[in-house]
C-alpha atoms as a PDB file:
ATOM      1  CA  LYS A   1     184.868 159.885 124.764  1.00  0.00           C
ATOM      2  CA  SER A   2     186.591 163.052 122.996  1.00  0.00           C
ATOM      3  CA  ASP A   3     184.138 165.977 121.389  1.00  0.00           C
ATOM      4  CA  ILE A   4     187.518 167.786 119.551  1.00  0.00           C
ATOM      5  CA  GLN A   5     186.698 171.326 119.128  1.00  0.00           C
ATOM      6  CA  SER A   6     189.280 172.022 116.796  1.00  0.00           C
ATOM      7  CA  ASP A   7     192.228 171.244 114.693  1.00  0.00           C
ATOM      8  CA  ILE A   8     195.056 173.090 112.599  1.00  0.00           C
ATOM      9  CA  GLY A   9     198.394 171.955 111.430  1.00  0.00           C
ATOM     10  CA  CYS A  10     201.408 172.829 109.849  1.00  0.00           C
ATOM     11  CA  MET A  11     204.011 171.447 106.990  1.00  0.00           C
ATOM     12  CA  LEU A  12     208.078 171.462 109.047  1.00  0.00           C
ATOM     13  CA  THR A  13     209.837 170.033 105.859  1.00  0.00           C
ATOM     14  CA  ALA A  14     208.763 167.780 103.054  1.00  0.00           C
ATOM     15  CA  HIS A  15     208.392 164.844 104.951  1.00  0.00           C
ATOM     16  CA  THR A  16     206.901 166.246 108.995  1.00  0.00           C
ATOM     17  CA  GLY A  17     204.419 167.990 110.331  1.00  0.00           C
ATOM     18  CA  GLN A  18     202.526 168.844 113.731  1.00  0.00           C
ATOM     19  CA  VAL A  19     199.290 169.272 114.449  1.00  0.00           C
ATOM     20  CA  GLU A  20     196.968 171.131 116.781  1.00  0.00           C
ATOM     21  CA  LEU A  21     194.578 168.738 118.322  1.00  0.00           C
ATOM     22  CA  ARG A  22     191.440 170.940 121.247  1.00  0.00           C
ATOM     23  CA  TYR A  23     189.600 168.808 122.969  1.00  0.00           C
ATOM     24  CA  VAL A  24     186.773 168.641 125.187  1.00  0.00           C
ATOM     25  CA  ARG A  25     187.418 164.643 126.963  1.00  0.00           C
ATOM     26  CA  LEU A  26     183.408 163.485 128.023  1.00  0.00           C
ATOM     27  CA  LYS A  27     181.366 161.316 130.820  1.00  0.00           C
ATOM     28  CA  THR A  28     178.919 158.946 130.078  1.00  0.00           C
ATOM     29  CA  ASP A  29     176.127 161.590 131.699  1.00  0.00           C
ATOM     30  CA  GLY A  30     178.012 163.684 128.644  1.00  0.00           C
ATOM     31  CA  GLY A  31     179.200 166.833 131.427  1.00  0.00           C
ATOM     32  CA  PHE A  32     182.505 167.375 131.003  1.00  0.00           C
ATOM     33  CA  MET A  33     185.774 166.186 132.660  1.00  0.00           C
ATOM     34  CA  PRO A  34     187.684 168.580 134.659  1.00  0.00           C
ATOM     35  CA  PRO A  35     189.775 170.251 132.839  1.00  0.00           C
ATOM     36  CA  ARG A  36     187.112 171.297 130.597  1.00  0.00           C
ATOM     37  CA  ASP A  37     189.178 172.746 127.793  1.00  0.00           C
ATOM     38  CA  ARG A  38     192.658 170.703 126.924  1.00  0.00           C
ATOM     39  CA  ALA A  39     195.396 170.552 124.062  1.00  0.00           C
ATOM     40  CA  SER A  40     197.777 168.045 122.456  1.00  0.00           C
ATOM     41  CA  ILE A  41     199.991 168.378 119.776  1.00  0.00           C
ATOM     42  CA  TYR A  42     200.582 165.509 118.058  1.00  0.00           C
ATOM     43  CA  SER A  43     203.753 165.173 115.190  1.00  0.00           C
ATOM     44  CA  LEU A  44     203.179 163.586 112.272  1.00  0.00           C
ATOM     45  CA  ARG A  45     206.578 161.795 109.586  1.00  0.00           C
ATOM     46  CA  ARG A  46     205.921 161.101 105.397  1.00  0.00           C
ATOM     47  CA  PHE A  47     206.739 157.682 104.771  1.00  0.00           C
ATOM     48  CA  PRO A  48     206.676 155.466 101.692  1.00  0.00           C
ATOM     49  CA  ASP A  49     202.932 154.363 102.365  1.00  0.00           C
ATOM     50  CA  GLY A  50     201.751 157.933 104.599  1.00  0.00           C
ATOM     51  CA  TRP A  51     201.693 159.913 106.772  1.00  0.00           C
ATOM     52  CA  ARG A  52     202.250 158.711 110.825  1.00  0.00           C
ATOM     53  CA  VAL A  53     202.196 160.161 113.813  1.00  0.00           C
ATOM     54  CA  THR A  54     204.916 159.543 116.136  1.00  0.00           C
ATOM     55  CA  GLY A  55     204.516 161.571 118.709  1.00  0.00           C
ATOM     56  CA  MET A  56     202.539 163.009 120.912  1.00  0.00           C
ATOM     57  CA  ARG A  57     202.528 166.002 124.289  1.00  0.00           C
ATOM     58  CA  GLY A  58     199.806 167.620 126.146  1.00  0.00           C
ATOM     59  CA  MET A  59     200.156 171.083 125.758  1.00  0.00           C
ATOM     60  CA  PRO A  60     198.120 173.737 127.912  1.00  0.00           C
ATOM     61  CA  ALA A  61     194.475 174.699 126.865  1.00  0.00           C
ATOM     62  CA  ALA A  62     196.249 178.712 126.287  1.00  0.00           C
ATOM     63  CA  GLN A  63     198.624 177.874 124.878  1.00  0.00           C
ATOM     64  CA  LYS A  64     198.666 178.163 120.944  1.00  0.00           C
ATOM     65  CA  MET A  65     200.982 175.862 118.632  1.00  0.00           C
ATOM     66  CA  ASP A  66     204.086 177.726 116.730  1.00  0.00           C
ATOM     67  CA  CYS A  67     204.039 176.882 112.734  1.00  0.00           C
ATOM     68  CA  PRO A  68     207.097 178.508 111.197  1.00  0.00           C
ATOM     69  CA  ALA A  69     206.708 181.289 108.447  1.00  0.00           C
ATOM     70  CA  ALA A  70     205.235 180.667 104.980  1.00  0.00           C
ATOM     71  CA  ASN A  71     208.682 181.172 102.752  1.00  0.00           C
END
């Protein structure tokens, strides 16, 4: 089971975006599975019927996702 700690997203273009998900993996006894802090980046794409995840990659928990500056 995963306990989601935070999520943040940003638009890259009108049809693409990305989301940073920070989470802790929990064992059946409620303790955490090392390493405690984890993070993943999800790539999103807008299709005619809605948004879909098109990719995912892990990243070091100490790293932060880079979002482009809003214009």
